[in-house]
């Protein structure tokens, strides 16, 4: 997928999409994998990851919102992808339609090490 095309798909006005869009446009690493993953499976996984992220006080962007959007999207499968920002360091998880025409949901998880505290 082309960098500009991905940036154009990140249109949702929550916390994560605009930050991910900036990361992609700034040259951040990104990838979209081939092959769909069942949405119900992903919702289960990401609900658990959301709880762990909160328990560990890990910075995140749009996590709850993304899981809710994923759960209510009405799709059986989505494609997975990621993008990374350099500053601040975030890993963005992307969920796209199978035809890669829309970002269903996006969330960001901070990557700063707590060992420097």
N, C-alpha and C. Protein backbone atom coordinates (compact mmCIF):
# COMPACT_ATOMS: atom_id res chain seq x y z
N UNK A 1 0.84 -1.17 0.00
CA UNK A 1 0.00 0.00 0.00
C UNK A 1 0.89 1.24 0.00
N UNK A 2 0.47 2.22 -0.72
CA UNK A 2 1.17 3.49 -0.82
C UNK A 2 0.96 4.32 0.46
N UNK A 3 1.99 4.99 0.89
CA UNK A 3 1.96 5.82 2.09
C UNK A 3 0.85 6.88 2.05
N UNK A 4 0.72 7.56 0.93
CA UNK A 4 -0.30 8.62 0.82
C UNK A 4 -1.71 8.04 0.83
N UNK A 5 -1.89 6.87 0.24
CA UNK A 5 -3.20 6.23 0.24
C UNK A 5 -3.59 5.87 1.68
N UNK A 6 -2.67 5.30 2.43
CA UNK A 6 -2.96 4.96 3.82
C UNK A 6 -3.30 6.22 4.61
N UNK A 7 -2.54 7.27 4.44
CA UNK A 7 -2.79 8.52 5.15
C UNK A 7 -4.19 9.05 4.83
N UNK A 8 -4.62 8.93 3.59
CA UNK A 8 -5.95 9.39 3.19
C UNK A 8 -7.07 8.56 3.80
N UNK A 9 -6.77 7.31 4.17
CA UNK A 9 -7.78 6.45 4.79
C UNK A 9 -7.95 6.71 6.28
N UNK A 10 -7.01 7.38 6.88
CA UNK A 10 -7.06 7.66 8.33
C UNK A 10 -7.85 8.95 8.57
N UNK A 11 -9.16 8.84 8.43
CA UNK A 11 -10.03 10.02 8.46
C UNK A 11 -10.85 10.17 9.73
N UNK A 12 -10.91 9.15 10.57
CA UNK A 12 -11.73 9.22 11.77
C UNK A 12 -11.14 10.28 12.71
N UNK A 13 -12.00 11.09 13.31
CA UNK A 13 -11.53 12.21 14.12
C UNK A 13 -11.36 11.89 15.61
N UNK A 14 -11.05 10.66 15.93
CA UNK A 14 -10.75 10.30 17.32
C UNK A 14 -9.32 10.68 17.64
N UNK A 15 -8.74 10.04 18.65
CA UNK A 15 -7.37 10.33 19.05
C UNK A 15 -6.33 9.69 18.15
N UNK A 16 -6.55 8.45 17.77
CA UNK A 16 -5.50 7.66 17.12
C UNK A 16 -5.32 7.96 15.64
N UNK A 17 -6.40 8.07 14.89
CA UNK A 17 -6.28 8.26 13.44
C UNK A 17 -5.44 9.47 13.06
N UNK A 18 -5.71 10.67 13.61
CA UNK A 18 -4.88 11.82 13.23
C UNK A 18 -3.40 11.64 13.60
N UNK A 19 -3.14 11.05 14.76
CA UNK A 19 -1.74 10.83 15.18
C UNK A 19 -1.06 9.81 14.26
N UNK A 20 -1.78 8.77 13.89
CA UNK A 20 -1.23 7.76 12.98
C UNK A 20 -0.99 8.37 11.60
N UNK A 21 -1.92 9.18 11.15
CA UNK A 21 -1.78 9.85 9.85
C UNK A 21 -0.49 10.69 9.83
N UNK A 22 -0.27 11.44 10.89
CA UNK A 22 0.95 12.25 10.97
C UNK A 22 2.20 11.37 10.94
N UNK A 23 2.16 10.25 11.65
CA UNK A 23 3.30 9.33 11.68
C UNK A 23 3.59 8.78 10.28
N UNK A 24 2.54 8.38 9.58
CA UNK A 24 2.71 7.83 8.23
C UNK A 24 3.26 8.91 7.29
N UNK A 25 2.71 10.12 7.35
CA UNK A 25 3.17 11.20 6.47
C UNK A 25 4.58 11.67 6.81
N UNK A 26 4.99 11.46 8.07
CA UNK A 26 6.35 11.84 8.49
C UNK A 26 7.38 10.78 8.13
N UNK A 27 6.95 9.70 7.47
CA UNK A 27 7.89 8.67 7.04
C UNK A 27 7.99 7.49 7.97
N UNK A 28 7.10 7.38 8.95
CA UNK A 28 7.12 6.26 9.88
C UNK A 28 6.92 4.92 9.18
N UNK A 29 7.50 3.90 9.75
CA UNK A 29 7.38 2.54 9.23
C UNK A 29 5.92 2.10 9.29
N UNK A 30 5.45 1.40 8.26
CA UNK A 30 4.10 0.84 8.28
C UNK A 30 4.04 -0.40 7.42
N UNK A 31 3.03 -1.22 7.69
CA UNK A 31 2.82 -2.44 6.91
C UNK A 31 1.37 -2.88 7.05
N UNK A 32 0.82 -3.42 5.97
CA UNK A 32 -0.50 -4.03 5.97
C UNK A 32 -0.30 -5.48 5.54
N UNK A 33 -0.76 -6.42 6.38
CA UNK A 33 -0.60 -7.82 6.06
C UNK A 33 -1.72 -8.33 5.17
N UNK A 34 -1.41 -9.34 4.39
CA UNK A 34 -2.41 -10.01 3.57
C UNK A 34 -3.12 -11.05 4.43
N UNK A 35 -4.34 -11.36 4.05
CA UNK A 35 -5.10 -12.39 4.74
C UNK A 35 -5.91 -11.82 5.89
N UNK A 36 -7.18 -12.13 5.88
CA UNK A 36 -8.08 -11.60 6.89
C UNK A 36 -8.00 -12.34 8.22
N UNK A 37 -8.42 -11.63 9.26
CA UNK A 37 -8.50 -12.18 10.61
C UNK A 37 -9.93 -11.94 11.09
N UNK A 38 -10.49 -12.94 11.75
CA UNK A 38 -11.87 -12.83 12.23
C UNK A 38 -12.02 -11.69 13.24
N UNK A 39 -13.04 -10.87 13.02
CA UNK A 39 -13.29 -9.72 13.88
C UNK A 39 -13.61 -10.16 15.30
N UNK A 40 -14.43 -11.20 15.48
CA UNK A 40 -14.80 -11.62 16.83
C UNK A 40 -13.56 -12.06 17.62
N UNK A 41 -12.62 -12.68 16.94
CA UNK A 41 -11.36 -13.09 17.58
C UNK A 41 -10.56 -11.86 18.00
N UNK A 42 -10.48 -10.87 17.12
CA UNK A 42 -9.72 -9.66 17.42
C UNK A 42 -10.34 -8.86 18.56
N UNK A 43 -11.66 -8.79 18.60
CA UNK A 43 -12.33 -8.06 19.68
C UNK A 43 -11.96 -8.68 21.03
N UNK A 44 -11.99 -10.00 21.09
CA UNK A 44 -11.62 -10.70 22.33
C UNK A 44 -10.18 -10.38 22.73
N UNK A 45 -9.28 -10.46 21.79
CA UNK A 45 -7.85 -10.20 22.06
C UNK A 45 -7.63 -8.77 22.50
N UNK A 46 -8.22 -7.83 21.78
CA UNK A 46 -7.95 -6.42 22.07
C UNK A 46 -8.69 -5.91 23.29
N UNK A 47 -9.78 -6.51 23.69
CA UNK A 47 -10.41 -6.16 24.98
C UNK A 47 -9.44 -6.52 26.11
N UNK A 48 -8.83 -7.70 26.01
CA UNK A 48 -7.86 -8.14 27.02
C UNK A 48 -6.63 -7.22 27.01
N UNK A 49 -6.13 -6.89 25.84
CA UNK A 49 -4.96 -6.01 25.75
C UNK A 49 -5.28 -4.62 26.29
N UNK A 50 -6.51 -4.18 26.08
CA UNK A 50 -6.91 -2.88 26.61
C UNK A 50 -6.85 -2.87 28.14
N UNK A 51 -7.36 -3.94 28.76
CA UNK A 51 -7.32 -4.04 30.22
C UNK A 51 -5.87 -4.04 30.73
N UNK A 52 -5.01 -4.80 30.08
CA UNK A 52 -3.60 -4.87 30.48
C UNK A 52 -2.91 -3.51 30.30
N UNK A 53 -3.23 -2.83 29.24
CA UNK A 53 -2.64 -1.52 28.99
C UNK A 53 -3.04 -0.54 30.09
N UNK A 54 -4.31 -0.57 30.48
CA UNK A 54 -4.78 0.29 31.57
C UNK A 54 -4.11 -0.09 32.90
N UNK A 55 -4.06 -1.40 33.19
CA UNK A 55 -3.47 -1.87 34.46
C UNK A 55 -2.00 -1.46 34.57
N UNK A 56 -1.30 -1.47 33.47
CA UNK A 56 0.12 -1.13 33.46
C UNK A 56 0.37 0.37 33.28
N UNK A 57 -0.71 1.12 33.16
CA UNK A 57 -0.63 2.57 32.95
C UNK A 57 0.22 2.93 31.73
N UNK A 58 0.09 2.11 30.69
CA UNK A 58 0.79 2.37 29.44
C UNK A 58 0.01 3.42 28.65
N UNK A 59 0.67 4.46 28.17
CA UNK A 59 -0.04 5.47 27.38
C UNK A 59 -0.67 4.84 26.14
N UNK A 60 -1.87 5.27 25.82
CA UNK A 60 -2.53 4.77 24.62
C UNK A 60 -3.40 5.85 24.03
N UNK A 61 -3.75 5.67 22.76
CA UNK A 61 -4.61 6.59 22.04
C UNK A 61 -5.77 5.82 21.42
N UNK A 62 -6.98 6.15 21.80
CA UNK A 62 -8.16 5.61 21.15
C UNK A 62 -8.39 4.12 21.30
N UNK A 63 -7.88 3.51 22.35
CA UNK A 63 -7.95 2.06 22.49
C UNK A 63 -9.41 1.59 22.63
N UNK A 64 -10.12 2.11 23.62
CA UNK A 64 -11.52 1.68 23.84
C UNK A 64 -12.38 1.96 22.62
N UNK A 65 -12.20 3.13 22.07
CA UNK A 65 -12.96 3.54 20.89
C UNK A 65 -12.71 2.59 19.71
N UNK A 66 -11.47 2.22 19.51
CA UNK A 66 -11.12 1.34 18.40
C UNK A 66 -11.75 -0.04 18.58
N UNK A 67 -11.72 -0.57 19.79
CA UNK A 67 -12.30 -1.89 20.03
C UNK A 67 -13.81 -1.83 19.82
N UNK A 68 -14.44 -0.77 20.26
CA UNK A 68 -15.88 -0.61 20.05
C UNK A 68 -16.22 -0.49 18.56
N UNK A 69 -15.43 0.26 17.83
CA UNK A 69 -15.65 0.39 16.39
C UNK A 69 -15.47 -0.95 15.69
N UNK A 70 -14.46 -1.68 16.11
CA UNK A 70 -14.22 -2.99 15.53
C UNK A 70 -15.39 -3.93 15.83
N UNK A 71 -15.86 -3.92 17.06
CA UNK A 71 -16.96 -4.80 17.46
C UNK A 71 -18.25 -4.48 16.70
N UNK A 72 -18.48 -3.22 16.38
CA UNK A 72 -19.73 -2.83 15.73
C UNK A 72 -19.62 -2.66 14.22
N UNK A 73 -18.50 -3.05 13.63
CA UNK A 73 -18.29 -2.78 12.20
C UNK A 73 -19.15 -3.63 11.27
N UNK A 74 -19.65 -4.76 11.76
CA UNK A 74 -20.50 -5.62 10.93
C UNK A 74 -19.75 -6.48 9.93
N UNK A 75 -18.44 -6.54 10.04
CA UNK A 75 -17.63 -7.35 9.14
C UNK A 75 -17.25 -8.66 9.81
N UNK A 76 -17.04 -9.69 9.01
CA UNK A 76 -16.57 -10.97 9.54
C UNK A 76 -15.05 -10.98 9.71
N UNK A 77 -14.35 -10.35 8.76
CA UNK A 77 -12.89 -10.33 8.77
C UNK A 77 -12.38 -8.94 8.43
N UNK A 78 -11.18 -8.65 8.91
CA UNK A 78 -10.47 -7.42 8.57
C UNK A 78 -9.01 -7.76 8.32
N UNK A 79 -8.33 -6.84 7.69
CA UNK A 79 -6.88 -6.95 7.52
C UNK A 79 -6.21 -6.21 8.67
N UNK A 80 -5.06 -6.71 9.08
CA UNK A 80 -4.28 -6.06 10.13
C UNK A 80 -3.11 -5.31 9.53
N UNK A 81 -2.74 -4.26 10.21
CA UNK A 81 -1.57 -3.50 9.82
C UNK A 81 -1.03 -2.74 11.01
N UNK A 82 0.09 -2.07 10.80
CA UNK A 82 0.65 -1.24 11.85
C UNK A 82 1.34 -0.04 11.23
N UNK A 83 1.54 0.96 12.04
CA UNK A 83 2.37 2.11 11.69
C UNK A 83 3.09 2.51 12.97
N UNK A 84 4.24 3.15 12.81
CA UNK A 84 5.01 3.58 13.98
C UNK A 84 5.38 5.04 13.86
N UNK A 85 5.35 5.72 15.00
CA UNK A 85 5.81 7.11 15.02
C UNK A 85 7.11 7.16 15.82
N UNK A 86 7.97 8.10 15.42
CA UNK A 86 9.27 8.22 16.08
C UNK A 86 9.19 9.06 17.35
N UNK A 87 8.44 10.15 17.32
CA UNK A 87 8.36 11.04 18.47
C UNK A 87 7.00 11.69 18.54
N UNK A 88 6.20 11.40 19.52
CA UNK A 88 6.46 10.41 20.56
C UNK A 88 6.39 9.00 19.99
N UNK A 89 7.06 8.07 20.64
CA UNK A 89 7.12 6.70 20.14
C UNK A 89 5.80 5.99 20.40
N UNK A 90 5.09 5.70 19.32
CA UNK A 90 3.82 4.96 19.40
C UNK A 90 3.80 3.87 18.34
N UNK A 91 3.16 2.77 18.70
CA UNK A 91 2.84 1.70 17.75
C UNK A 91 1.35 1.81 17.51
N UNK A 92 0.96 2.02 16.25
CA UNK A 92 -0.45 2.12 15.89
C UNK A 92 -0.89 0.80 15.27
N UNK A 93 -1.95 0.24 15.81
CA UNK A 93 -2.53 -0.99 15.25
C UNK A 93 -3.67 -0.57 14.34
N UNK A 94 -3.64 -1.07 13.12
CA UNK A 94 -4.65 -0.73 12.11
C UNK A 94 -5.50 -1.94 11.78
N UNK A 95 -6.79 -1.70 11.58
CA UNK A 95 -7.75 -2.71 11.16
C UNK A 95 -8.45 -2.15 9.92
N UNK A 96 -8.29 -2.83 8.80
CA UNK A 96 -8.81 -2.32 7.53
C UNK A 96 -9.79 -3.30 6.90
N UNK A 97 -10.67 -2.77 6.03
CA UNK A 97 -11.57 -3.63 5.28
C UNK A 97 -10.74 -4.52 4.36
N UNK A 98 -11.32 -5.65 3.99
CA UNK A 98 -10.60 -6.62 3.16
C UNK A 98 -10.20 -6.06 1.80
N UNK A 99 -10.96 -5.10 1.28
CA UNK A 99 -10.60 -4.49 -0.01
C UNK A 99 -9.68 -3.28 0.17
N UNK A 100 -9.25 -3.03 1.39
CA UNK A 100 -8.32 -1.96 1.75
C UNK A 100 -8.86 -0.57 1.35
N UNK A 101 -10.18 -0.41 1.42
CA UNK A 101 -10.79 0.86 1.05
C UNK A 101 -11.10 1.73 2.26
N UNK A 102 -10.96 1.17 3.47
CA UNK A 102 -11.32 1.92 4.66
C UNK A 102 -10.57 1.40 5.89
N UNK A 103 -10.18 2.32 6.76
CA UNK A 103 -9.65 1.94 8.06
C UNK A 103 -10.85 1.80 8.98
N UNK A 104 -11.09 0.59 9.45
CA UNK A 104 -12.21 0.31 10.34
C UNK A 104 -11.93 0.88 11.72
N UNK A 105 -10.71 0.70 12.21
CA UNK A 105 -10.32 1.19 13.53
C UNK A 105 -8.81 1.33 13.59
N UNK A 106 -8.38 2.19 14.50
CA UNK A 106 -6.95 2.43 14.71
C UNK A 106 -6.76 2.75 16.19
N UNK A 107 -5.71 2.20 16.76
CA UNK A 107 -5.37 2.51 18.16
C UNK A 107 -3.87 2.66 18.27
N UNK A 108 -3.44 3.41 19.24
CA UNK A 108 -2.02 3.63 19.45
C UNK A 108 -1.61 3.24 20.86
N UNK A 109 -0.43 2.62 20.98
CA UNK A 109 0.12 2.24 22.28
C UNK A 109 1.52 2.82 22.40
N UNK A 110 1.74 3.55 23.49
CA UNK A 110 3.04 4.17 23.73
C UNK A 110 4.14 3.13 23.87
N UNK A 111 5.31 3.47 23.37
CA UNK A 111 6.45 2.53 23.38
C UNK A 111 7.59 3.00 24.26
N UNK A 112 7.39 4.04 25.05
CA UNK A 112 8.45 4.54 25.92
C UNK A 112 8.72 3.54 27.03
N UNK A 113 9.96 3.32 27.31
CA UNK A 113 10.37 2.40 28.35
C UNK A 113 10.16 3.03 29.73
N UNK A 114 9.64 2.26 30.67
CA UNK A 114 9.45 2.74 32.03
C UNK A 114 10.72 2.61 32.85
N UNK A 115 11.77 2.01 32.29
CA UNK A 115 13.00 1.80 33.04
C UNK A 115 13.74 3.11 33.31
N UNK A 116 13.40 4.17 32.58
CA UNK A 116 14.09 5.45 32.77
C UNK A 116 13.49 6.27 33.90
N UNK A 117 12.45 5.78 34.55
CA UNK A 117 11.81 6.53 35.64
C UNK A 117 12.58 6.39 36.92
